[in-house]
């Protein structure tokens, strides 16, 4: 079975795209990231989240920039800390986008 990490249902979370297995929307994850939450802190505070799901949410935001424009820096990268190279090492290639999922410090 393949998990669709970002889901959207008009009957769930008022139709906002959300992370599979959680009550966190993509927008909420982006707000947390913009406020300095890295992967370790996100998982500590929200243990229902999975590394793959968070990466999928960031990728989803990049694919829907018009909807999430306020979370992108002028250079096109997402605001806030992303995954380190080590944290992203075993993610599928499409979830390791530089500046989106993986962000150098």
PDB file of N, CA and C in Angstrom:
ATOM      1  N   UNK A   1       0.839  -1.183   0.000  1.00  0.00           N
ATOM      2  CA  UNK A   1       0.000   0.000   0.000  1.00  0.00           C
ATOM      3  C   UNK A   1       0.885   1.248   0.000  1.00  0.00           C
ATOM      4  N   UNK A   2       0.560   2.178  -0.841  1.00  0.00           N
ATOM      5  CA  UNK A   2       1.263   3.450  -0.894  1.00  0.00           C
ATOM      6  C   UNK A   2       0.465   4.474  -0.101  1.00  0.00           C
ATOM      7  N   UNK A   3       1.147   5.178   0.779  1.00  0.00           N
ATOM      8  CA  UNK A   3       0.487   6.191   1.591  1.00  0.00           C
ATOM      9  C   UNK A   3       0.526   7.518   0.852  1.00  0.00           C
ATOM     10  N   UNK A   4      -0.604   8.175   0.790  1.00  0.00           N
ATOM     11  CA  UNK A   4      -0.661   9.531   0.258  1.00  0.00           C
ATOM     12  C   UNK A   4      -0.443  10.448   1.464  1.00  0.00           C
ATOM     13  N   UNK A   5       0.777  10.972   1.598  1.00  0.00           N
ATOM     14  CA  UNK A   5       1.177  11.699   2.798  1.00  0.00           C
ATOM     15  C   UNK A   5       0.439  13.003   3.002  1.00  0.00           C
ATOM     16  N   UNK A   6       0.091  13.675   1.940  1.00  0.00           N
ATOM     17  CA  UNK A   6      -0.704  14.907   2.052  1.00  0.00           C
ATOM     18  C   UNK A   6      -2.066  14.602   1.440  1.00  0.00           C
ATOM     19  N   UNK A   7      -3.084  14.816   2.254  1.00  0.00           N
ATOM     20  CA  UNK A   7      -4.437  14.512   1.811  1.00  0.00           C
ATOM     21  C   UNK A   7      -5.302  15.756   1.891  1.00  0.00           C
ATOM     22  N   UNK A   8      -6.365  15.738   1.113  1.00  0.00           N
ATOM     23  CA  UNK A   8      -7.308  16.846   1.125  1.00  0.00           C
ATOM     24  C   UNK A   8      -8.710  16.276   0.997  1.00  0.00           C
ATOM     25  N   UNK A   9      -9.569  16.650   1.926  1.00  0.00           N
ATOM     26  CA  UNK A   9     -10.935  16.145   1.960  1.00  0.00           C
ATOM     27  C   UNK A   9     -11.819  17.298   2.431  1.00  0.00           C
ATOM     28  N   UNK A  10     -12.853  17.635   1.696  1.00  0.00           N
ATOM     29  CA  UNK A  10     -13.697  18.760   2.097  1.00  0.00           C
ATOM     30  C   UNK A  10     -14.362  18.563   3.467  1.00  0.00           C
ATOM     31  N   UNK A  11     -14.417  17.321   3.939  1.00  0.00           N
ATOM     32  CA  UNK A  11     -15.046  17.047   5.228  1.00  0.00           C
ATOM     33  C   UNK A  11     -14.048  16.986   6.381  1.00  0.00           C
ATOM     34  N   UNK A  12     -12.759  17.156   6.088  1.00  0.00           N
ATOM     35  CA  UNK A  12     -11.719  17.090   7.116  1.00  0.00           C
ATOM     36  C   UNK A  12     -10.927  18.394   7.097  1.00  0.00           C
ATOM     37  N   UNK A  13     -10.747  19.009   8.254  1.00  0.00           N
ATOM     38  CA  UNK A  13      -9.957  20.234   8.407  1.00  0.00           C
ATOM     39  C   UNK A  13     -10.418  21.329   7.445  1.00  0.00           C
ATOM     40  N   UNK A  14     -11.724  21.425   7.236  1.00  0.00           N
ATOM     41  CA  UNK A  14     -12.314  22.434   6.351  1.00  0.00           C
ATOM     42  C   UNK A  14     -11.717  22.413   4.949  1.00  0.00           C
ATOM     43  N   UNK A  15     -11.280  21.254   4.502  1.00  0.00           N
ATOM     44  CA  UNK A  15     -10.748  21.119   3.153  1.00  0.00           C
ATOM     45  C   UNK A  15      -9.296  21.505   2.998  1.00  0.00           C
ATOM     46  N   UNK A  16      -8.645  21.932   4.081  1.00  0.00           N
ATOM     47  CA  UNK A  16      -7.213  22.282   4.018  1.00  0.00           C
ATOM     48  C   UNK A  16      -6.383  21.014   3.851  1.00  0.00           C
ATOM     49  N   UNK A  17      -5.373  21.032   2.990  1.00  0.00           N
ATOM     50  CA  UNK A  17      -4.478  19.881   2.868  1.00  0.00           C
ATOM     51  C   UNK A  17      -3.802  19.609   4.216  1.00  0.00           C
ATOM     52  N   UNK A  18      -3.759  18.332   4.608  1.00  0.00           N
ATOM     53  CA  UNK A  18      -3.208  17.960   5.907  1.00  0.00           C
ATOM     54  C   UNK A  18      -2.297  16.745   5.779  1.00  0.00           C
ATOM     55  N   UNK A  19      -1.500  16.529   6.803  1.00  0.00           N
ATOM     56  CA  UNK A  19      -0.578  15.386   6.824  1.00  0.00           C
ATOM     57  C   UNK A  19      -1.305  14.134   7.283  1.00  0.00           C
ATOM     58  N   UNK A  20      -1.105  13.069   6.546  1.00  0.00           N
ATOM     59  CA  UNK A  20      -1.685  11.764   6.866  1.00  0.00           C
ATOM     60  C   UNK A  20      -1.386  11.389   8.317  1.00  0.00           C
ATOM     61  N   UNK A  21      -2.398  10.944   9.032  1.00  0.00           N
ATOM     62  CA  UNK A  21      -2.231  10.471  10.396  1.00  0.00           C
ATOM     63  C   UNK A  21      -2.125  11.564  11.435  1.00  0.00           C
ATOM     64  N   UNK A  22      -2.386  12.806  11.045  1.00  0.00           N
ATOM     65  CA  UNK A  22      -2.275  13.900  12.010  1.00  0.00           C
ATOM     66  C   UNK A  22      -3.435  14.870  11.824  1.00  0.00           C
ATOM     67  N   UNK A  23      -3.498  15.818  12.716  1.00  0.00           N
ATOM     68  CA  UNK A  23      -4.469  16.898  12.606  1.00  0.00           C
ATOM     69  C   UNK A  23      -3.762  18.199  12.266  1.00  0.00           C
ATOM     70  N   UNK A  24      -2.609  18.087  11.625  1.00  0.00           N
ATOM     71  CA  UNK A  24      -1.835  19.264  11.232  1.00  0.00           C
ATOM     72  C   UNK A  24      -1.955  19.499   9.735  1.00  0.00           C
ATOM     73  N   UNK A  25      -2.299  20.720   9.388  1.00  0.00           N
ATOM     74  CA  UNK A  25      -2.394  21.070   7.976  1.00  0.00           C
ATOM     75  C   UNK A  25      -1.010  21.431   7.447  1.00  0.00           C
ATOM     76  N   UNK A  26      -0.888  21.463   6.143  1.00  0.00           N
ATOM     77  CA  UNK A  26       0.358  21.891   5.512  1.00  0.00           C
ATOM     78  C   UNK A  26       0.679  23.317   5.961  1.00  0.00           C
ATOM     79  N   UNK A  27      -0.311  24.175   6.019  1.00  0.00           N
ATOM     80  CA  UNK A  27      -0.105  25.558   6.446  1.00  0.00           C
ATOM     81  C   UNK A  27       0.431  25.609   7.881  1.00  0.00           C
ATOM     82  N   UNK A  28      -0.106  24.808   8.784  1.00  0.00           N
ATOM     83  CA  UNK A  28       0.377  24.800  10.161  1.00  0.00           C
ATOM     84  C   UNK A  28       1.836  24.343  10.232  1.00  0.00           C
ATOM     85  N   UNK A  29       2.191  23.336   9.442  1.00  0.00           N
ATOM     86  CA  UNK A  29       3.582  22.885   9.415  1.00  0.00           C
ATOM     87  C   UNK A  29       4.504  23.973   8.883  1.00  0.00           C
ATOM     88  N   UNK A  30       4.068  24.689   7.871  1.00  0.00           N
ATOM     89  CA  UNK A  30       4.874  25.780   7.331  1.00  0.00           C
ATOM     90  C   UNK A  30       5.023  26.920   8.339  1.00  0.00           C
ATOM     91  N   UNK A  31       3.976  27.195   9.092  1.00  0.00           N
ATOM     92  CA  UNK A  31       4.061  28.223  10.128  1.00  0.00           C
ATOM     93  C   UNK A  31       5.052  27.813  11.219  1.00  0.00           C
ATOM     94  N   UNK A  32       4.996  26.555  11.624  1.00  0.00           N
ATOM     95  CA  UNK A  32       5.948  26.062  12.626  1.00  0.00           C
ATOM     96  C   UNK A  32       7.377  26.165  12.102  1.00  0.00           C
ATOM     97  N   UNK A  33       7.582  25.770  10.854  1.00  0.00           N
ATOM     98  CA  UNK A  33       8.925  25.846  10.268  1.00  0.00           C
ATOM     99  C   UNK A  33       9.409  27.298  10.208  1.00  0.00           C
ATOM    100  N   UNK A  34       8.545  28.187   9.756  1.00  0.00           N
ATOM    101  CA  UNK A  34       8.911  29.599   9.669  1.00  0.00           C
ATOM    102  C   UNK A  34       9.280  30.155  11.048  1.00  0.00           C
ATOM    103  N   UNK A  35       8.674  29.600  12.093  1.00  0.00           N
ATOM    104  CA  UNK A  35       8.960  30.032  13.461  1.00  0.00           C
ATOM    105  C   UNK A  35      10.154  29.299  14.078  1.00  0.00           C
ATOM    106  N   UNK A  36      10.903  28.539  13.267  1.00  0.00           N
ATOM    107  CA  UNK A  36      12.144  27.950  13.728  1.00  0.00           C
ATOM    108  C   UNK A  36      12.102  26.489  14.113  1.00  0.00           C
ATOM    109  N   UNK A  37      10.976  25.828  13.932  1.00  0.00           N
ATOM    110  CA  UNK A  37      10.885  24.411  14.270  1.00  0.00           C
ATOM    111  C   UNK A  37      11.594  23.571  13.218  1.00  0.00           C
ATOM    112  N   UNK A  38      12.571  22.815  13.640  1.00  0.00           N
ATOM    113  CA  UNK A  38      13.251  21.860  12.773  1.00  0.00           C
ATOM    114  C   UNK A  38      12.582  20.503  12.886  1.00  0.00           C
ATOM    115  N   UNK A  39      13.104  19.542  12.174  1.00  0.00           N
ATOM    116  CA  UNK A  39      12.531  18.199  12.149  1.00  0.00           C
ATOM    117  C   UNK A  39      12.452  17.587  13.544  1.00  0.00           C
ATOM    118  N   UNK A  40      13.531  17.669  14.317  1.00  0.00           N
ATOM    119  CA  UNK A  40      13.560  17.049  15.645  1.00  0.00           C
ATOM    120  C   UNK A  40      12.482  17.627  16.550  1.00  0.00           C
ATOM    121  N   UNK A  41      12.344  18.951  16.551  1.00  0.00           N
ATOM    122  CA  UNK A  41      11.342  19.593  17.405  1.00  0.00           C
ATOM    123  C   UNK A  41       9.927  19.266  16.948  1.00  0.00           C
ATOM    124  N   UNK A  42       9.701  19.229  15.633  1.00  0.00           N
ATOM    125  CA  UNK A  42       8.370  18.886  15.122  1.00  0.00           C
ATOM    126  C   UNK A  42       7.953  17.496  15.573  1.00  0.00           C
ATOM    127  N   UNK A  43       8.849  16.537  15.437  1.00  0.00           N
ATOM    128  CA  UNK A  43       8.520  15.156  15.807  1.00  0.00           C
ATOM    129  C   UNK A  43       8.394  15.016  17.322  1.00  0.00           C
ATOM    130  N   UNK A  44       9.196  15.754  18.063  1.00  0.00           N
ATOM    131  CA  UNK A  44       9.101  15.717  19.531  1.00  0.00           C
ATOM    132  C   UNK A  44       7.737  16.237  19.987  1.00  0.00           C
ATOM    133  N   UNK A  45       7.313  17.361  19.430  1.00  0.00           N
ATOM    134  CA  UNK A  45       6.041  17.962  19.821  1.00  0.00           C
ATOM    135  C   UNK A  45       4.821  17.290  19.194  1.00  0.00           C
ATOM    136  N   UNK A  46       5.018  16.637  18.069  1.00  0.00           N
ATOM    137  CA  UNK A  46       3.917  15.984  17.342  1.00  0.00           C
ATOM    138  C   UNK A  46       4.354  14.581  16.919  1.00  0.00           C
ATOM    139  N   UNK A  47       4.396  13.640  17.858  1.00  0.00           N
ATOM    140  CA  UNK A  47       4.933  12.306  17.545  1.00  0.00           C
ATOM    141  C   UNK A  47       4.138  11.532  16.488  1.00  0.00           C
ATOM    142  N   UNK A  48       2.938  11.994  16.173  1.00  0.00           N
ATOM    143  CA  UNK A  48       2.160  11.335  15.127  1.00  0.00           C
ATOM    144  C   UNK A  48       2.709  11.624  13.732  1.00  0.00           C
ATOM    145  N   UNK A  49       3.538  12.655  13.618  1.00  0.00           N
ATOM    146  CA  UNK A  49       4.130  13.001  12.319  1.00  0.00           C
ATOM    147  C   UNK A  49       5.251  12.030  11.970  1.00  0.00           C
ATOM    148  N   UNK A  50       5.446  11.838  10.702  1.00  0.00           N
ATOM    149  CA  UNK A  50       6.531  10.998  10.182  1.00  0.00           C
ATOM    150  C   UNK A  50       7.443  11.870   9.318  1.00  0.00           C
ATOM    151  N   UNK A  51       8.724  11.515   9.277  1.00  0.00           N
ATOM    152  CA  UNK A  51       9.686  12.276   8.474  1.00  0.00           C
ATOM    153  C   UNK A  51       9.231  12.399   7.028  1.00  0.00           C
ATOM    154  N   UNK A  52       8.741  11.303   6.481  1.00  0.00           N
ATOM    155  CA  UNK A  52       8.300  11.301   5.085  1.00  0.00           C
ATOM    156  C   UNK A  52       7.100  12.230   4.900  1.00  0.00           C
ATOM    157  N   UNK A  53       6.184  12.240   5.860  1.00  0.00           N
ATOM    158  CA  UNK A  53       5.002  13.092   5.766  1.00  0.00           C
ATOM    159  C   UNK A  53       5.338  14.572   5.815  1.00  0.00           C
ATOM    160  N   UNK A  54       6.287  14.937   6.674  1.00  0.00           N
ATOM    161  CA  UNK A  54       6.702  16.338   6.762  1.00  0.00           C
ATOM    162  C   UNK A  54       7.364  16.757   5.459  1.00  0.00           C
ATOM    163  N   UNK A  55       8.245  15.910   4.936  1.00  0.00           N
ATOM    164  CA  UNK A  55       8.901  16.205   3.657  1.00  0.00           C
ATOM    165  C   UNK A  55       7.867  16.327   2.540  1.00  0.00           C
ATOM    166  N   UNK A  56       6.853  15.475   2.576  1.00  0.00           N
ATOM    167  CA  UNK A  56       5.791  15.544   1.563  1.00  0.00           C
ATOM    168  C   UNK A  56       5.019  16.854   1.674  1.00  0.00           C
ATOM    169  N   UNK A  57       4.788  17.322   2.900  1.00  0.00           N
ATOM    170  CA  UNK A  57       4.077  18.590   3.089  1.00  0.00           C
ATOM    171  C   UNK A  57       4.885  19.754   2.516  1.00  0.00           C
ATOM    172  N   UNK A  58       6.196  19.757   2.748  1.00  0.00           N
ATOM    173  CA  UNK A  58       7.047  20.817   2.204  1.00  0.00           C
ATOM    174  C   UNK A  58       7.055  20.759   0.672  1.00  0.00           C
ATOM    175  N   UNK A  59       7.106  19.559   0.126  1.00  0.00           N
ATOM    176  CA  UNK A  59       7.094  19.386  -1.325  1.00  0.00           C
ATOM    177  C   UNK A  59       5.748  19.834  -1.902  1.00  0.00           C
ATOM    178  N   UNK A  60       4.674  19.493  -1.205  1.00  0.00           N
ATOM    179  CA  UNK A  60       3.337  19.916  -1.623  1.00  0.00           C
ATOM    180  C   UNK A  60       3.260  21.445  -1.676  1.00  0.00           C
ATOM    181  N   UNK A  61       3.807  22.104  -0.663  1.00  0.00           N
ATOM    182  CA  UNK A  61       3.804  23.565  -0.639  1.00  0.00           C
ATOM    183  C   UNK A  61       4.561  24.130  -1.833  1.00  0.00           C
ATOM    184  N   UNK A  62       5.685  23.511  -2.167  1.00  0.00           N
ATOM    185  CA  UNK A  62       6.468  23.976  -3.321  1.00  0.00           C
ATOM    186  C   UNK A  62       5.696  23.801  -4.620  1.00  0.00           C
ATOM    187  N   UNK A  63       4.918  22.738  -4.706  1.00  0.00           N
ATOM    188  CA  UNK A  63       4.115  22.484  -5.901  1.00  0.00           C
ATOM    189  C   UNK A  63       2.888  23.392  -5.982  1.00  0.00           C
ATOM    190  N   UNK A  64       2.553  24.042  -4.870  1.00  0.00           N
ATOM    191  CA  UNK A  64       1.392  24.931  -4.803  1.00  0.00           C
ATOM    192  C   UNK A  64       1.809  26.293  -4.245  1.00  0.00           C
ATOM    193  N   UNK A  65       2.854  26.865  -4.837  1.00  0.00           N
ATOM    194  CA  UNK A  65       3.430  28.129  -4.344  1.00  0.00           C
ATOM    195  C   UNK A  65       2.425  29.262  -4.298  1.00  0.00           C
ATOM    196  N   UNK A  66       1.499  29.289  -5.220  1.00  0.00           N
ATOM    197  CA  UNK A  66       0.512  30.357  -5.215  1.00  0.00           C
ATOM    198  C   UNK A  66      -0.311  30.347  -3.934  1.00  0.00           C
ATOM    199  N   UNK A  67      -0.589  29.186  -3.412  1.00  0.00           N
ATOM    200  CA  UNK A  67      -1.377  29.035  -2.182  1.00  0.00           C
ATOM    201  C   UNK A  67      -0.566  29.356  -0.923  1.00  0.00           C
ATOM    202  N   UNK A  68       0.755  29.111  -0.976  1.00  0.00           N
ATOM    203  CA  UNK A  68       1.619  29.246   0.203  1.00  0.00           C
ATOM    204  C   UNK A  68       2.729  30.274  -0.003  1.00  0.00           C
ATOM    205  N   UNK A  69       2.490  31.272  -0.820  1.00  0.00           N
ATOM    206  CA  UNK A  69       3.522  32.244  -1.199  1.00  0.00           C
ATOM    207  C   UNK A  69       4.174  32.930  -0.005  1.00  0.00           C
ATOM    208  N   UNK A  70       3.448  33.176   1.052  1.00  0.00           N
ATOM    209  CA  UNK A  70       4.007  33.906   2.197  1.00  0.00           C
ATOM    210  C   UNK A  70       5.058  33.113   2.971  1.00  0.00           C
ATOM    211  N   UNK A  71       5.216  31.833   2.659  1.00  0.00           N
ATOM    212  CA  UNK A  71       6.195  30.992   3.350  1.00  0.00           C
ATOM    213  C   UNK A  71       7.501  30.832   2.579  1.00  0.00           C
ATOM    214  N   UNK A  72       7.623  31.525   1.442  1.00  0.00           N
ATOM    215  CA  UNK A  72       8.819  31.409   0.621  1.00  0.00           C
ATOM    216  C   UNK A  72       9.664  32.674   0.702  1.00  0.00           C
ATOM    217  N   UNK A  73      10.986  32.478   0.819  1.00  0.00           N
ATOM    218  CA  UNK A  73      11.928  33.587   0.771  1.00  0.00           C
ATOM    219  C   UNK A  73      12.047  34.081  -0.669  1.00  0.00           C
ATOM    220  N   UNK A  74      12.676  35.227  -0.837  1.00  0.00           N
ATOM    221  CA  UNK A  74      12.866  35.809  -2.173  1.00  0.00           C
ATOM    222  C   UNK A  74      13.647  34.888  -3.101  1.00  0.00           C
ATOM    223  N   UNK A  75      14.542  34.061  -2.538  1.00  0.00           N
ATOM    224  CA  UNK A  75      15.331  33.148  -3.371  1.00  0.00           C
ATOM    225  C   UNK A  75      14.567  31.892  -3.781  1.00  0.00           C
ATOM    226  N   UNK A  76      13.310  31.764  -3.350  1.00  0.00           N
ATOM    227  CA  UNK A  76      12.488  30.621  -3.726  1.00  0.00           C
ATOM    228  C   UNK A  76      12.518  29.468  -2.747  1.00  0.00           C
ATOM    229  N   UNK A  77      13.284  29.606  -1.672  1.00  0.00           N
ATOM    230  CA  UNK A  77      13.337  28.529  -0.679  1.00  0.00           C
ATOM    231  C   UNK A  77      12.285  28.772   0.400  1.00  0.00           C
ATOM    232  N   UNK A  78      11.900  27.697   1.089  1.00  0.00           N
ATOM    233  CA  UNK A  78      10.961  27.830   2.193  1.00  0.00           C
ATOM    234  C   UNK A  78      11.643  28.488   3.381  1.00  0.00           C
ATOM    235  N   UNK A  79      10.920  29.334   4.076  1.00  0.00           N
ATOM    236  CA  UNK A  79      11.457  29.991   5.268  1.00  0.00           C
ATOM    237  C   UNK A  79      11.664  28.961   6.380  1.00  0.00           C
ATOM    238  N   UNK A  80      12.663  29.215   7.207  1.00  0.00           N
ATOM    239  CA  UNK A  80      12.901  28.385   8.374  1.00  0.00           C
ATOM    240  C   UNK A  80      13.798  27.202   8.080  1.00  0.00           C
ATOM    241  N   UNK A  81      14.109  26.464   9.151  1.00  0.00           N
ATOM    242  CA  UNK A  81      15.018  25.340   8.997  1.00  0.00           C
ATOM    243  C   UNK A  81      14.359  24.175   8.263  1.00  0.00           C
ATOM    244  N   UNK A  82      15.102  23.566   7.402  1.00  0.00           N
ATOM    245  CA  UNK A  82      14.644  22.365   6.732  1.00  0.00           C
ATOM    246  C   UNK A  82      15.395  21.171   7.271  1.00  0.00           C
ATOM    247  N   UNK A  83      15.372  20.104   6.544  1.00  0.00           N
ATOM    248  CA  UNK A  83      16.115  18.907   6.924  1.00  0.00           C
ATOM    249  C   UNK A  83      17.600  19.136   6.667  1.00  0.00           C
ATOM    250  N   UNK A  84      18.423  18.504   7.473  1.00  0.00           N
ATOM    251  CA  UNK A  84      19.846  18.485   7.178  1.00  0.00           C
ATOM    252  C   UNK A  84      20.073  17.407   6.125  1.00  0.00           C
ATOM    253  N   UNK A  85      21.261  17.391   5.534  1.00  0.00           N
ATOM    254  CA  UNK A  85      21.576  16.342   4.560  1.00  0.00           C
ATOM    255  C   UNK A  85      21.438  14.958   5.187  1.00  0.00           C
ATOM    256  N   UNK A  86      21.862  14.817   6.440  1.00  0.00           N
ATOM    257  CA  UNK A  86      21.783  13.518   7.128  1.00  0.00           C
ATOM    258  C   UNK A  86      20.326  13.112   7.361  1.00  0.00           C
ATOM    259  N   UNK A  87      19.469  14.064   7.744  1.00  0.00           N
ATOM    260  CA  UNK A  87      18.061  13.751   7.997  1.00  0.00           C
ATOM    261  C   UNK A  87      17.327  13.363   6.713  1.00  0.00           C
ATOM    262  N   UNK A  88      17.795  13.873   5.583  1.00  0.00           N
ATOM    263  CA  UNK A  88      17.138  13.604   4.306  1.00  0.00           C
ATOM    264  C   UNK A  88      17.784  12.473   3.522  1.00  0.00           C
ATOM    265  N   UNK A  89      18.837  11.889   4.061  1.00  0.00           N
ATOM    266  CA  UNK A  89      19.639  10.907   3.313  1.00  0.00           C
ATOM    267  C   UNK A  89      18.821   9.750   2.748  1.00  0.00           C
ATOM    268  N   UNK A  90      17.862   9.226   3.483  1.00  0.00           N
ATOM    269  CA  UNK A  90      17.124   8.060   2.984  1.00  0.00           C
ATOM    270  C   UNK A  90      15.728   8.397   2.445  1.00  0.00           C
ATOM    271  N   UNK A  91      15.460   9.673   2.232  1.00  0.00           N
ATOM    272  CA  UNK A  91      14.191  10.061   1.611  1.00  0.00           C
ATOM    273  C   UNK A  91      14.263   9.821   0.105  1.00  0.00           C
ATOM    274  N   UNK A  92      13.136   9.538  -0.534  1.00  0.00           N
ATOM    275  CA  UNK A  92      13.130   9.432  -1.995  1.00  0.00           C
ATOM    276  C   UNK A  92      13.602  10.751  -2.621  1.00  0.00           C
ATOM    277  N   UNK A  93      14.177  10.662  -3.795  1.00  0.00           N
ATOM    278  CA  UNK A  93      14.747  11.836  -4.471  1.00  0.00           C
ATOM    279  C   UNK A  93      13.766  13.002  -4.570  1.00  0.00           C
ATOM    280  N   UNK A  94      12.515  12.723  -4.883  1.00  0.00           N
ATOM    281  CA  UNK A  94      11.563  13.831  -5.066  1.00  0.00           C
ATOM    282  C   UNK A  94      11.224  14.540  -3.753  1.00  0.00           C
ATOM    283  N   UNK A  95      11.620  13.983  -2.610  1.00  0.00           N
ATOM    284  CA  UNK A  95      11.417  14.640  -1.315  1.00  0.00           C
ATOM    285  C   UNK A  95      12.696  15.270  -0.765  1.00  0.00           C
ATOM    286  N   UNK A  96      13.733  15.370  -1.576  1.00  0.00           N
ATOM    287  CA  UNK A  96      14.998  15.958  -1.122  1.00  0.00           C
ATOM    288  C   UNK A  96      15.321  17.247  -1.864  1.00  0.00           C
ATOM    289  N   UNK A  97      14.332  17.996  -2.221  1.00  0.00           N
ATOM    290  CA  UNK A  97      14.537  19.237  -2.980  1.00  0.00           C
ATOM    291  C   UNK A  97      15.324  20.248  -2.150  1.00  0.00           C
ATOM    292  N   UNK A  98      16.381  20.748  -2.724  1.00  0.00           N
ATOM    293  CA  UNK A  98      17.209  21.760  -2.055  1.00  0.00           C
ATOM    294  C   UNK A  98      16.419  23.042  -1.859  1.00  0.00           C
ATOM    295  N   UNK A  99      16.500  23.613  -0.664  1.00  0.00           N
ATOM    296  CA  UNK A  99      15.792  24.839  -0.357  1.00  0.00           C
ATOM    297  C   UNK A  99      14.335  24.624   0.037  1.00  0.00           C
ATOM    298  N   UNK A 100      13.823  23.464  -0.268  1.00  0.00           N
ATOM    299  CA  UNK A 100      12.427  23.156   0.070  1.00  0.00           C
ATOM    300  C   UNK A 100      12.409  22.196   1.260  1.00  0.00           C
ATOM    301  N   UNK A 101      12.915  21.012   1.086  1.00  0.00           N
ATOM    302  CA  UNK A 101      13.005  20.041   2.171  1.00  0.00           C
ATOM    303  C   UNK A 101      14.366  20.167   2.852  1.00  0.00           C
ATOM    304  N   UNK A 102      15.435  20.053   2.070  1.00  0.00           N
ATOM    305  CA  UNK A 102      16.791  20.152   2.599  1.00  0.00           C
ATOM    306  C   UNK A 102      17.230  21.609   2.538  1.00  0.00           C
ATOM    307  N   UNK A 103      17.703  22.121   3.677  1.00  0.00           N
ATOM    308  CA  UNK A 103      18.130  23.510   3.701  1.00  0.00           C
ATOM    309  C   UNK A 103      19.430  23.625   4.464  1.00  0.00           C
ATOM    310  N   UNK A 104      20.426  24.150   3.805  1.00  0.00           N
ATOM    311  CA  UNK A 104      21.726  24.346   4.437  1.00  0.00           C
ATOM    312  C   UNK A 104      21.636  25.495   5.427  1.00  0.00           C
ATOM    313  N   UNK A 105      22.420  25.376   6.480  1.00  0.00           N
ATOM    314  CA  UNK A 105      22.391  26.435   7.501  1.00  0.00           C
ATOM    315  C   UNK A 105      23.441  27.482   7.222  1.00  0.00           C
TER     316      UNK A 105
END
